Amino acid sequence: MSKNFVNWQDEQYRDDRMFVMNIATAKDENGNNFWHLTTYRNTIQLPIFKNNFFKNEEDLYEYIKGVEPQIPLISRNGQSIELPETVNKKDLNEVWEYFNKWLIENNLFSTVNEISHVPYYVDPRGYTEKIFTSKIEMSENIQMTTRSIHD
């Protein structure tokens, strides 16, 4: 997890993945708990690409297991990881297992490892083991997210 940036299409990426995700616990304006998954472009600045919200942890993890292995890779010119013939592409658990082995081999980590991607000014490694909490507010159909980081 070093600072070996990857240049692609006039941008510097933190690693081979074009997108990364962070999980946060969240509360809405009524105090209801839910899960907040933020997807970032994996460039140095980590701009937010999209937000997803889940009522329970099971739905959150099922979504991640289905999406994270499909993240486009720079080394594959924007295609997701190549699965060998021995992996049943229709078996979510087999794909997930293979993808996580690939992450480990490439010194990377999954969203579910409770490690958050952060700007380098927050942590010089570009990630932290700290937890995020989000507060979601709606104002005239505009969603506002406030994130705080804590141990």
N, C-alpha and C. Protein backbone atom coordinates (compact mmCIF):
# COMPACT_ATOMS: atom_id res chain seq x y z
N MET A 1 0.83 -1.17 0.00
CA MET A 1 0.00 0.00 0.00
C MET A 1 0.88 1.24 0.00
N SER A 2 1.72 1.31 -0.99
CA SER A 2 2.65 2.43 -1.08
C SER A 2 2.15 3.45 -2.10
N LYS A 3 2.91 4.51 -2.24
CA LYS A 3 2.53 5.59 -3.15
C LYS A 3 3.13 5.37 -4.54
N ASN A 4 2.83 4.25 -5.14
CA ASN A 4 3.23 3.99 -6.52
C ASN A 4 2.03 4.31 -7.40
N PHE A 5 1.92 5.56 -7.80
CA PHE A 5 0.77 6.00 -8.56
C PHE A 5 0.80 5.43 -9.97
N VAL A 6 -0.41 5.27 -10.52
CA VAL A 6 -0.56 4.73 -11.87
C VAL A 6 -1.10 5.85 -12.75
N ASN A 7 -0.39 6.20 -13.78
CA ASN A 7 -0.85 7.22 -14.72
C ASN A 7 -1.74 6.57 -15.76
N TRP A 8 -2.93 7.16 -15.95
CA TRP A 8 -3.85 6.64 -16.95
C TRP A 8 -4.77 7.77 -17.40
N GLN A 9 -4.85 7.97 -18.69
CA GLN A 9 -5.70 9.00 -19.30
C GLN A 9 -5.53 10.36 -18.61
N ASP A 10 -4.29 10.77 -18.48
CA ASP A 10 -3.92 12.08 -17.93
C ASP A 10 -4.29 12.27 -16.46
N GLU A 11 -4.46 11.18 -15.73
CA GLU A 11 -4.73 11.29 -14.30
C GLU A 11 -3.85 10.30 -13.55
N GLN A 12 -3.60 10.62 -12.29
CA GLN A 12 -2.83 9.72 -11.45
C GLN A 12 -3.78 8.98 -10.51
N TYR A 13 -3.73 7.65 -10.59
CA TYR A 13 -4.53 6.79 -9.73
C TYR A 13 -3.67 6.22 -8.62
N ARG A 14 -4.30 5.93 -7.52
CA ARG A 14 -3.59 5.43 -6.34
C ARG A 14 -3.10 4.00 -6.54
N ASP A 15 -3.83 3.22 -7.33
CA ASP A 15 -3.43 1.86 -7.66
C ASP A 15 -4.20 1.44 -8.92
N ASP A 16 -4.22 0.17 -9.22
CA ASP A 16 -4.80 -0.35 -10.45
C ASP A 16 -6.31 -0.17 -10.54
N ARG A 17 -6.98 -0.05 -9.41
CA ARG A 17 -8.44 0.06 -9.39
C ARG A 17 -8.88 1.48 -9.77
N MET A 18 -9.90 1.57 -10.59
CA MET A 18 -10.40 2.88 -10.99
C MET A 18 -11.35 3.48 -9.95
N PHE A 19 -11.92 2.63 -9.11
CA PHE A 19 -12.83 3.06 -8.06
C PHE A 19 -12.53 2.31 -6.77
N VAL A 20 -12.78 2.95 -5.65
CA VAL A 20 -12.70 2.32 -4.34
C VAL A 20 -13.91 2.77 -3.53
N MET A 21 -14.20 2.05 -2.45
CA MET A 21 -15.37 2.36 -1.65
C MET A 21 -15.03 2.40 -0.17
N ASN A 22 -15.79 3.19 0.57
CA ASN A 22 -15.71 3.25 2.03
C ASN A 22 -17.09 3.01 2.62
N ILE A 23 -17.10 2.30 3.74
CA ILE A 23 -18.33 2.05 4.49
C ILE A 23 -18.37 3.01 5.67
N ALA A 24 -19.54 3.54 5.95
CA ALA A 24 -19.73 4.37 7.15
C ALA A 24 -21.04 3.99 7.81
N THR A 25 -21.07 4.09 9.12
CA THR A 25 -22.35 4.01 9.81
C THR A 25 -23.01 5.36 9.62
N ALA A 26 -24.33 5.38 9.66
CA ALA A 26 -25.02 6.63 9.39
C ALA A 26 -26.32 6.73 10.18
N LYS A 27 -26.77 7.97 10.32
CA LYS A 27 -28.07 8.26 10.91
C LYS A 27 -28.73 9.31 10.04
N ASP A 28 -30.04 9.18 9.89
CA ASP A 28 -30.75 10.22 9.17
C ASP A 28 -31.21 11.30 10.15
N GLU A 29 -31.92 12.31 9.66
CA GLU A 29 -32.32 13.42 10.53
C GLU A 29 -33.27 12.99 11.64
N ASN A 30 -33.86 11.79 11.51
CA ASN A 30 -34.75 11.27 12.54
C ASN A 30 -34.03 10.35 13.52
N GLY A 31 -32.72 10.16 13.32
CA GLY A 31 -31.95 9.31 14.21
C GLY A 31 -31.96 7.83 13.86
N ASN A 32 -32.52 7.49 12.71
CA ASN A 32 -32.55 6.08 12.28
C ASN A 32 -31.18 5.66 11.77
N ASN A 33 -30.74 4.47 12.19
CA ASN A 33 -29.44 3.94 11.76
C ASN A 33 -29.54 3.28 10.40
N PHE A 34 -28.48 3.42 9.61
CA PHE A 34 -28.36 2.71 8.35
C PHE A 34 -26.90 2.72 7.94
N TRP A 35 -26.60 2.13 6.80
CA TRP A 35 -25.23 2.04 6.29
C TRP A 35 -25.06 2.94 5.08
N HIS A 36 -23.92 3.58 5.00
CA HIS A 36 -23.61 4.52 3.92
C HIS A 36 -22.35 3.99 3.21
N LEU A 37 -22.48 3.71 1.93
CA LEU A 37 -21.35 3.25 1.12
C LEU A 37 -21.04 4.33 0.10
N THR A 38 -19.83 4.87 0.16
CA THR A 38 -19.42 5.90 -0.78
C THR A 38 -18.42 5.30 -1.75
N THR A 39 -18.64 5.51 -3.03
CA THR A 39 -17.71 5.08 -4.07
C THR A 39 -16.95 6.31 -4.53
N TYR A 40 -15.63 6.17 -4.61
CA TYR A 40 -14.74 7.25 -5.03
C TYR A 40 -14.00 6.86 -6.29
N ARG A 41 -13.71 7.83 -7.14
CA ARG A 41 -12.72 7.60 -8.18
C ARG A 41 -11.40 7.46 -7.45
N ASN A 42 -10.61 6.50 -7.82
CA ASN A 42 -9.40 6.17 -7.08
C ASN A 42 -8.20 7.02 -7.51
N THR A 43 -8.46 8.27 -7.78
CA THR A 43 -7.37 9.20 -8.11
C THR A 43 -6.82 9.77 -6.81
N ILE A 44 -5.76 10.52 -6.92
CA ILE A 44 -5.13 11.08 -5.72
C ILE A 44 -6.12 11.89 -4.89
N GLN A 45 -7.01 12.63 -5.54
CA GLN A 45 -7.96 13.50 -4.82
C GLN A 45 -9.13 12.73 -4.22
N LEU A 46 -9.40 11.51 -4.64
CA LEU A 46 -10.53 10.70 -4.18
C LEU A 46 -11.88 11.42 -4.32
N PRO A 47 -12.23 11.90 -5.51
CA PRO A 47 -13.54 12.55 -5.64
C PRO A 47 -14.68 11.53 -5.52
N ILE A 48 -15.76 11.96 -4.89
CA ILE A 48 -16.92 11.07 -4.74
C ILE A 48 -17.55 10.82 -6.10
N PHE A 49 -17.82 9.56 -6.37
CA PHE A 49 -18.49 9.15 -7.60
C PHE A 49 -19.98 8.92 -7.34
N LYS A 50 -20.29 8.21 -6.24
CA LYS A 50 -21.70 8.01 -5.89
C LYS A 50 -21.83 7.53 -4.45
N ASN A 51 -23.04 7.62 -3.93
CA ASN A 51 -23.38 7.15 -2.59
C ASN A 51 -24.51 6.14 -2.70
N ASN A 52 -24.42 5.11 -1.88
CA ASN A 52 -25.49 4.12 -1.75
C ASN A 52 -25.82 3.99 -0.28
N PHE A 53 -27.07 3.70 0.02
CA PHE A 53 -27.53 3.60 1.40
C PHE A 53 -28.25 2.27 1.59
N PHE A 54 -28.02 1.64 2.75
CA PHE A 54 -28.56 0.32 3.02
C PHE A 54 -29.16 0.29 4.41
N LYS A 55 -30.32 -0.36 4.52
CA LYS A 55 -31.00 -0.44 5.82
C LYS A 55 -30.34 -1.44 6.75
N ASN A 56 -29.66 -2.44 6.17
CA ASN A 56 -29.02 -3.43 7.03
C ASN A 56 -27.67 -3.86 6.46
N GLU A 57 -26.87 -4.43 7.35
CA GLU A 57 -25.50 -4.82 7.01
C GLU A 57 -25.46 -5.94 5.96
N GLU A 58 -26.42 -6.83 6.03
CA GLU A 58 -26.46 -7.95 5.08
C GLU A 58 -26.62 -7.44 3.64
N ASP A 59 -27.52 -6.52 3.43
CA ASP A 59 -27.71 -5.95 2.08
C ASP A 59 -26.46 -5.21 1.62
N LEU A 60 -25.83 -4.48 2.54
CA LEU A 60 -24.60 -3.76 2.24
C LEU A 60 -23.52 -4.72 1.74
N TYR A 61 -23.28 -5.80 2.49
CA TYR A 61 -22.21 -6.73 2.12
C TYR A 61 -22.54 -7.51 0.85
N GLU A 62 -23.78 -7.85 0.65
CA GLU A 62 -24.15 -8.53 -0.60
C GLU A 62 -23.91 -7.62 -1.80
N TYR A 63 -24.22 -6.35 -1.65
CA TYR A 63 -23.97 -5.38 -2.73
C TYR A 63 -22.47 -5.29 -3.01
N ILE A 64 -21.67 -5.15 -1.96
CA ILE A 64 -20.22 -5.03 -2.14
C ILE A 64 -19.67 -6.28 -2.81
N LYS A 65 -20.10 -7.45 -2.37
CA LYS A 65 -19.62 -8.71 -2.96
C LYS A 65 -19.95 -8.78 -4.45
N GLY A 66 -21.05 -8.21 -4.85
CA GLY A 66 -21.43 -8.23 -6.26
C GLY A 66 -20.75 -7.17 -7.10
N VAL A 67 -20.41 -6.04 -6.48
CA VAL A 67 -19.89 -4.90 -7.23
C VAL A 67 -18.37 -4.81 -7.20
N GLU A 68 -17.77 -5.02 -6.05
CA GLU A 68 -16.33 -4.78 -5.93
C GLU A 68 -15.50 -5.60 -6.93
N PRO A 69 -15.79 -6.87 -7.16
CA PRO A 69 -15.01 -7.61 -8.16
C PRO A 69 -15.19 -7.10 -9.59
N GLN A 70 -16.20 -6.28 -9.81
CA GLN A 70 -16.47 -5.74 -11.15
C GLN A 70 -15.81 -4.38 -11.39
N ILE A 71 -15.08 -3.88 -10.40
CA ILE A 71 -14.44 -2.57 -10.54
C ILE A 71 -13.46 -2.61 -11.71
N PRO A 72 -13.54 -1.62 -12.59
CA PRO A 72 -12.61 -1.58 -13.73
C PRO A 72 -11.17 -1.39 -13.26
N LEU A 73 -10.27 -2.04 -13.96
CA LEU A 73 -8.85 -1.97 -13.65
C LEU A 73 -8.10 -1.26 -14.77
N ILE A 74 -7.14 -0.45 -14.41
CA ILE A 74 -6.33 0.25 -15.39
C ILE A 74 -5.52 -0.74 -16.21
N SER A 75 -4.97 -1.75 -15.53
CA SER A 75 -4.14 -2.75 -16.22
C SER A 75 -4.93 -3.54 -17.26
N ARG A 76 -6.24 -3.53 -17.15
CA ARG A 76 -7.09 -4.24 -18.12
C ARG A 76 -7.86 -3.25 -18.99
N ASN A 77 -7.33 -2.04 -19.08
CA ASN A 77 -7.92 -1.01 -19.93
C ASN A 77 -9.40 -0.77 -19.63
N GLY A 78 -9.71 -0.73 -18.34
CA GLY A 78 -11.07 -0.43 -17.91
C GLY A 78 -11.97 -1.65 -17.76
N GLN A 79 -11.45 -2.84 -17.96
CA GLN A 79 -12.23 -4.06 -17.75
C GLN A 79 -11.97 -4.56 -16.33
N SER A 80 -12.89 -5.34 -15.80
CA SER A 80 -12.71 -5.88 -14.45
C SER A 80 -11.71 -7.03 -14.48
N ILE A 81 -11.42 -7.55 -13.31
CA ILE A 81 -10.45 -8.63 -13.16
C ILE A 81 -10.82 -9.81 -14.06
N GLU A 82 -9.80 -10.44 -14.63
CA GLU A 82 -10.03 -11.61 -15.48
C GLU A 82 -10.13 -12.83 -14.58
N LEU A 83 -11.24 -13.53 -14.70
CA LEU A 83 -11.45 -14.72 -13.89
C LEU A 83 -10.99 -15.96 -14.66
N PRO A 84 -10.25 -16.85 -14.01
CA PRO A 84 -9.84 -18.07 -14.70
C PRO A 84 -11.03 -18.99 -14.93
N GLU A 85 -10.87 -19.92 -15.83
CA GLU A 85 -11.95 -20.88 -16.16
C GLU A 85 -12.39 -21.68 -14.93
N THR A 86 -11.49 -21.83 -13.96
CA THR A 86 -11.80 -22.63 -12.77
C THR A 86 -12.77 -21.92 -11.83
N VAL A 87 -12.99 -20.63 -12.03
CA VAL A 87 -13.92 -19.87 -11.18
C VAL A 87 -15.27 -19.80 -11.89
N ASN A 88 -16.31 -20.26 -11.20
CA ASN A 88 -17.67 -20.18 -11.74
C ASN A 88 -18.13 -18.72 -11.66
N LYS A 89 -18.22 -18.08 -12.80
CA LYS A 89 -18.55 -16.65 -12.86
C LYS A 89 -19.95 -16.33 -12.34
N LYS A 90 -20.80 -17.34 -12.26
CA LYS A 90 -22.16 -17.14 -11.75
C LYS A 90 -22.25 -17.35 -10.24
N ASP A 91 -21.17 -17.84 -9.64
CA ASP A 91 -21.15 -18.08 -8.20
C ASP A 91 -20.50 -16.88 -7.51
N LEU A 92 -21.34 -16.06 -6.90
CA LEU A 92 -20.87 -14.82 -6.26
C LEU A 92 -19.77 -15.08 -5.24
N ASN A 93 -19.90 -16.16 -4.48
CA ASN A 93 -18.90 -16.46 -3.45
C ASN A 93 -17.56 -16.87 -4.05
N GLU A 94 -17.58 -17.64 -5.13
CA GLU A 94 -16.34 -18.02 -5.80
C GLU A 94 -15.63 -16.80 -6.39
N VAL A 95 -16.40 -15.94 -7.04
CA VAL A 95 -15.83 -14.72 -7.61
C VAL A 95 -15.26 -13.86 -6.51
N TRP A 96 -16.00 -13.71 -5.42
CA TRP A 96 -15.56 -12.89 -4.28
C TRP A 96 -14.26 -13.44 -3.69
N GLU A 97 -14.18 -14.75 -3.52
CA GLU A 97 -12.98 -15.37 -2.97
C GLU A 97 -11.77 -15.13 -3.88
N TYR A 98 -11.97 -15.33 -5.18
CA TYR A 98 -10.87 -15.13 -6.13
C TYR A 98 -10.42 -13.66 -6.12
N PHE A 99 -11.38 -12.74 -6.12
CA PHE A 99 -11.06 -11.32 -6.12
C PHE A 99 -10.26 -10.93 -4.87
N ASN A 100 -10.64 -11.44 -3.72
CA ASN A 100 -9.93 -11.11 -2.49
C ASN A 100 -8.52 -11.67 -2.47
N LYS A 101 -8.32 -12.83 -3.06
CA LYS A 101 -6.96 -13.36 -3.20
C LYS A 101 -6.14 -12.44 -4.10
N TRP A 102 -6.75 -11.94 -5.17
CA TRP A 102 -6.07 -11.00 -6.07
C TRP A 102 -5.69 -9.72 -5.32
N LEU A 103 -6.61 -9.22 -4.50
CA LEU A 103 -6.31 -8.02 -3.71
C LEU A 103 -5.08 -8.25 -2.83
N ILE A 104 -5.07 -9.36 -2.12
CA ILE A 104 -3.95 -9.66 -1.21
C ILE A 104 -2.65 -9.78 -2.00
N GLU A 105 -2.68 -10.48 -3.13
CA GLU A 105 -1.49 -10.63 -3.97
C GLU A 105 -0.96 -9.28 -4.46
N ASN A 106 -1.85 -8.31 -4.60
CA ASN A 106 -1.48 -6.99 -5.10
C ASN A 106 -1.34 -5.95 -3.98
N ASN A 107 -1.28 -6.45 -2.74
CA ASN A 107 -1.08 -5.59 -1.57
C ASN A 107 -2.18 -4.53 -1.46
N LEU A 108 -3.41 -4.94 -1.75
CA LEU A 108 -4.58 -4.05 -1.68
C LEU A 108 -5.56 -4.63 -0.67
N PHE A 109 -6.65 -3.94 -0.42
CA PHE A 109 -7.64 -4.41 0.55
C PHE A 109 -9.04 -4.15 0.03
N SER A 110 -9.97 -4.96 0.52
CA SER A 110 -11.38 -4.84 0.16
C SER A 110 -12.06 -3.80 1.04
N THR A 111 -13.16 -3.31 0.56
CA THR A 111 -13.98 -2.38 1.32
C THR A 111 -14.41 -2.98 2.65
N VAL A 112 -14.63 -4.28 2.69
CA VAL A 112 -15.14 -4.93 3.90
C VAL A 112 -14.08 -5.12 4.98
N ASN A 113 -12.85 -4.73 4.73
CA ASN A 113 -11.77 -4.90 5.70
C ASN A 113 -11.74 -3.81 6.77
N GLU A 114 -12.73 -2.94 6.78
CA GLU A 114 -12.83 -1.86 7.76
C GLU A 114 -11.60 -0.95 7.73
N ILE A 115 -11.12 -0.73 6.53
CA ILE A 115 -10.05 0.23 6.26
C ILE A 115 -10.65 1.26 5.31
N SER A 116 -10.47 2.52 5.60
CA SER A 116 -11.07 3.58 4.79
C SER A 116 -10.01 4.30 3.96
N HIS A 117 -10.33 4.53 2.72
CA HIS A 117 -9.47 5.35 1.85
C HIS A 117 -9.67 6.81 2.27
N VAL A 118 -8.57 7.53 2.40
CA VAL A 118 -8.63 8.93 2.81
C VAL A 118 -7.61 9.73 2.00
N PRO A 119 -7.81 11.04 1.93
CA PRO A 119 -6.78 11.88 1.29
C PRO A 119 -5.45 11.73 2.03
N TYR A 120 -4.38 11.96 1.31
CA TYR A 120 -3.04 11.81 1.91
C TYR A 120 -2.77 12.81 3.02
N TYR A 121 -3.48 13.94 3.06
CA TYR A 121 -3.28 14.88 4.16
C TYR A 121 -3.91 14.37 5.46
N VAL A 122 -4.86 13.42 5.37
CA VAL A 122 -5.46 12.82 6.56
C VAL A 122 -4.53 11.74 7.10
N ASP A 123 -3.99 10.93 6.21
CA ASP A 123 -3.03 9.89 6.58
C ASP A 123 -2.08 9.72 5.40
N PRO A 124 -0.79 9.83 5.61
CA PRO A 124 0.17 9.75 4.50
C PRO A 124 0.14 8.42 3.75
N ARG A 125 -0.47 7.40 4.34
CA ARG A 125 -0.60 6.10 3.65
C ARG A 125 -1.73 6.14 2.62
N GLY A 126 -2.67 7.08 2.78
CA GLY A 126 -3.83 7.15 1.89
C GLY A 126 -4.99 6.30 2.38
N TYR A 127 -4.88 5.72 3.55
CA TYR A 127 -5.95 4.93 4.15
C TYR A 127 -5.80 4.99 5.66
N THR A 128 -6.86 4.62 6.37
CA THR A 128 -6.84 4.61 7.82
C THR A 128 -7.72 3.49 8.33
N GLU A 129 -7.41 3.01 9.50
CA GLU A 129 -8.23 1.96 10.13
C GLU A 129 -9.35 2.58 10.97
N LYS A 130 -9.53 3.87 10.90
CA LYS A 130 -10.56 4.55 11.67
C LYS A 130 -11.92 4.42 10.98
N ILE A 131 -12.96 4.66 11.75
CA ILE A 131 -14.34 4.48 11.29
C ILE A 131 -14.95 5.84 10.97
N PHE A 132 -15.76 5.87 9.93
CA PHE A 132 -16.49 7.08 9.56
C PHE A 132 -17.93 6.96 10.04
N THR A 133 -18.50 8.10 10.38
CA THR A 133 -19.92 8.20 10.67
C THR A 133 -20.48 9.28 9.76
N SER A 134 -21.62 9.02 9.16
CA SER A 134 -22.25 9.99 8.27
C SER A 134 -23.57 10.46 8.86
N LYS A 135 -23.88 11.71 8.61
CA LYS A 135 -25.20 12.25 8.92
C LYS A 135 -25.78 12.75 7.61
N ILE A 136 -26.93 12.24 7.27
CA ILE A 136 -27.57 12.57 5.99
C ILE A 136 -28.73 13.52 6.25
N GLU A 137 -28.75 14.62 5.54
CA GLU A 137 -29.83 15.59 5.66
C GLU A 137 -30.38 15.89 4.28
N MET A 138 -31.67 16.07 4.21
CA MET A 138 -32.32 16.45 2.95
C MET A 138 -32.78 17.90 3.06
N SER A 139 -32.44 18.69 2.08
CA SER A 139 -32.84 20.09 2.06
C SER A 139 -33.30 20.42 0.65
N GLU A 140 -34.59 20.65 0.48
CA GLU A 140 -35.15 20.97 -0.83
C GLU A 140 -34.67 19.99 -1.90
N ASN A 141 -34.83 18.68 -1.59
CA ASN A 141 -34.47 17.59 -2.50
C ASN A 141 -32.98 17.50 -2.80
N ILE A 142 -32.16 18.17 -2.01
CA ILE A 142 -30.71 18.07 -2.15
C ILE A 142 -30.19 17.30 -0.95
N GLN A 143 -29.44 16.25 -1.22
CA GLN A 143 -28.90 15.43 -0.15
C GLN A 143 -27.56 15.99 0.31
N MET A 144 -27.44 16.22 1.59
CA MET A 144 -26.20 16.73 2.17
C MET A 144 -25.63 15.64 3.08
N THR A 145 -24.34 15.39 2.95
CA THR A 145 -23.70 14.37 3.78
C THR A 145 -22.58 15.01 4.57
N THR A 146 -22.60 14.79 5.85
CA THR A 146 -21.52 15.24 6.72
C THR A 146 -20.82 14.00 7.23
N ARG A 147 -19.50 13.92 7.06
CA ARG A 147 -18.76 12.75 7.52
C ARG A 147 -17.77 13.18 8.59
N SER A 148 -17.67 12.37 9.61
CA SER A 148 -16.65 12.59 10.62
C SER A 148 -15.89 11.29 10.81
N ILE A 149 -14.66 11.42 11.21
CA ILE A 149 -13.80 10.26 11.40
C ILE A 149 -13.50 10.13 12.88
N HIS A 150 -13.53 8.88 13.37
CA HIS A 150 -13.22 8.66 14.78
C HIS A 150 -12.64 7.27 14.93
N ASP A 151 -12.05 7.03 16.10
CA ASP A 151 -11.46 5.72 16.39
C ASP A 151 -12.53 4.70 16.66
